[in-house]
């Protein structure tokens, strides 16, 4: 895997507050394509939160929408990430089990009036 892409994914997943949710989205997309509503339902996350993370992941080349920007078009892992997802997972696991702790974490409850 390209070191630059690995560093970018490391930052998106481990270096930011939204990383655990992004990881959950990527793992769900590894199982198969899904649109934002389906991901929101499956992961029990707010729809707008899922859209925010999908926009970030798409902008950084981690996910793609092969049928375009049509309403409710499904997302899937980008071809490059799909090919190297296991390598990425292995690199996170080698960092003292961090992958498992991120993957199993639950989203934090939202506080009233707090905008993320």
Protein backbone atom coordinates (compact mmCIF):
# COMPACT_ATOMS: atom_id res chain seq x y z
CA UNK A 1 0.00 0.00 0.00
CA UNK A 2 1.18 3.48 -0.85
CA UNK A 3 2.71 5.07 2.29
CA UNK A 4 0.98 8.39 1.59
CA UNK A 5 -2.44 6.75 1.40
CA UNK A 6 -1.71 4.72 4.54
CA UNK A 7 -0.77 7.93 6.39
CA UNK A 8 -3.95 9.61 5.18
CA UNK A 9 -6.10 6.70 6.32
CA UNK A 10 -4.23 6.59 9.62
CA UNK A 11 -5.09 10.25 10.17
CA UNK A 12 -8.74 9.87 9.08
CA UNK A 13 -9.30 6.87 11.35
CA UNK A 14 -6.97 7.28 14.30
CA UNK A 15 -6.01 10.92 14.26
CA UNK A 16 -9.43 12.54 14.45
CA UNK A 17 -12.42 12.48 16.74
CA UNK A 18 -14.70 11.01 14.04
CA UNK A 19 -12.29 8.18 13.24
CA UNK A 20 -14.20 5.40 15.01
CA UNK A 21 -17.35 6.17 13.04
CA UNK A 22 -15.40 6.37 9.78
CA UNK A 23 -13.91 2.97 10.50
CA UNK A 24 -17.35 1.52 11.18
CA UNK A 25 -18.58 2.95 7.86
CA UNK A 26 -15.61 1.47 5.98
CA UNK A 27 -16.11 -1.93 7.57
CA UNK A 28 -19.81 -1.87 6.67
CA UNK A 29 -18.93 -0.95 3.08
CA UNK A 30 -16.43 -3.79 2.98
CA UNK A 31 -19.42 -6.13 3.39
CA UNK A 32 -21.15 -4.55 0.39
CA UNK A 33 -22.34 -1.28 -1.19
CA UNK A 34 -24.82 0.83 0.76
CA UNK A 35 -26.28 4.31 0.59
CA UNK A 36 -26.19 6.82 3.44
CA UNK A 37 -29.62 5.86 4.73
CA UNK A 38 -28.75 2.15 4.84
CA UNK A 39 -25.47 2.91 6.63
CA UNK A 40 -27.25 5.18 9.09
CA UNK A 41 -29.72 2.44 9.92
CA UNK A 42 -27.14 -0.37 10.10
CA UNK A 43 -24.72 1.60 12.29
CA UNK A 44 -27.39 3.38 14.32
CA UNK A 45 -25.89 6.78 13.55
CA UNK A 46 -27.58 10.03 12.62
CA UNK A 47 -28.06 10.35 8.85
CA UNK A 48 -26.29 13.72 8.74
CA UNK A 49 -23.34 12.27 10.62
CA UNK A 50 -23.04 9.46 8.09
CA UNK A 51 -23.27 11.93 5.17
CA UNK A 52 -20.52 14.06 6.74
CA UNK A 53 -18.17 11.09 7.11
CA UNK A 54 -18.98 9.79 3.63
CA UNK A 55 -18.17 13.20 2.15
CA UNK A 56 -14.80 13.21 3.91
CA UNK A 57 -14.03 9.64 2.90
CA UNK A 58 -15.07 10.25 -0.71
CA UNK A 59 -13.04 13.46 -0.90
CA UNK A 60 -9.97 11.56 0.27
CA UNK A 61 -10.37 8.63 -2.13
CA UNK A 62 -11.47 5.99 0.38
CA UNK A 63 -15.00 5.47 -0.94
CA UNK A 64 -16.63 5.90 -4.33
CA UNK A 65 -20.07 6.11 -5.88
CA UNK A 66 -19.75 4.10 -9.09
CA UNK A 67 -23.20 5.07 -10.41
CA UNK A 68 -22.66 8.79 -9.83
CA UNK A 69 -24.32 11.36 -7.63
CA UNK A 70 -27.90 10.22 -8.16
CA UNK A 71 -30.15 10.37 -5.14
CA UNK A 72 -29.59 7.37 -2.83
CA UNK A 73 -26.73 6.07 -4.99
CA UNK A 74 -24.74 3.47 -3.04
CA UNK A 75 -21.21 3.97 -1.83
CA UNK A 76 -18.52 1.32 -1.88
CA UNK A 77 -14.87 1.13 -0.96
CA UNK A 78 -12.70 2.69 -3.63
CA UNK A 79 -11.00 0.07 -5.80
CA UNK A 80 -7.61 0.91 -4.27
CA UNK A 81 -8.82 0.68 -0.68
CA UNK A 82 -10.78 -2.48 -1.40
CA UNK A 83 -7.60 -4.07 -2.74
CA UNK A 84 -5.52 -2.96 0.26
CA UNK A 85 -8.08 -2.95 3.09
CA UNK A 86 -6.54 -6.01 4.75
CA UNK A 87 -3.09 -4.38 4.62
CA UNK A 88 -4.53 -1.30 6.31
CA UNK A 89 -6.25 -3.43 8.93
CA UNK A 90 -2.99 -5.30 9.59
CA UNK A 91 -1.03 -2.07 10.01
CA UNK A 92 -3.57 -0.83 12.57
CA UNK A 93 -3.56 -4.14 14.41
CA UNK A 94 0.21 -4.04 14.67
CA UNK A 95 -0.10 -0.78 16.58
CA UNK A 96 -0.88 -2.51 19.89
CA UNK A 97 -4.42 -3.64 19.14
CA UNK A 98 -5.70 -0.16 18.34
CA UNK A 99 -7.85 -1.46 15.43
CA UNK A 100 -9.95 -3.68 17.68
CA UNK A 101 -10.51 -0.91 20.22
CA UNK A 102 -11.55 1.55 17.51
CA UNK A 103 -13.78 -0.92 15.69
CA UNK A 104 -15.65 -1.90 18.82
CA UNK A 105 -16.17 1.62 20.12
CA UNK A 106 -19.66 3.05 20.11
CA UNK A 107 -20.48 6.56 18.97
CA UNK A 108 -20.51 9.11 21.74
CA UNK A 109 -23.95 10.45 22.70
CA UNK A 110 -24.61 13.95 21.43
CA UNK A 111 -25.07 16.76 23.91
CA UNK A 112 -27.79 19.29 23.29
CA UNK A 113 -26.50 22.45 21.62
CA UNK A 114 -23.12 20.98 20.69
CA UNK A 115 -22.24 21.12 17.00
CA UNK A 116 -19.57 18.77 15.70
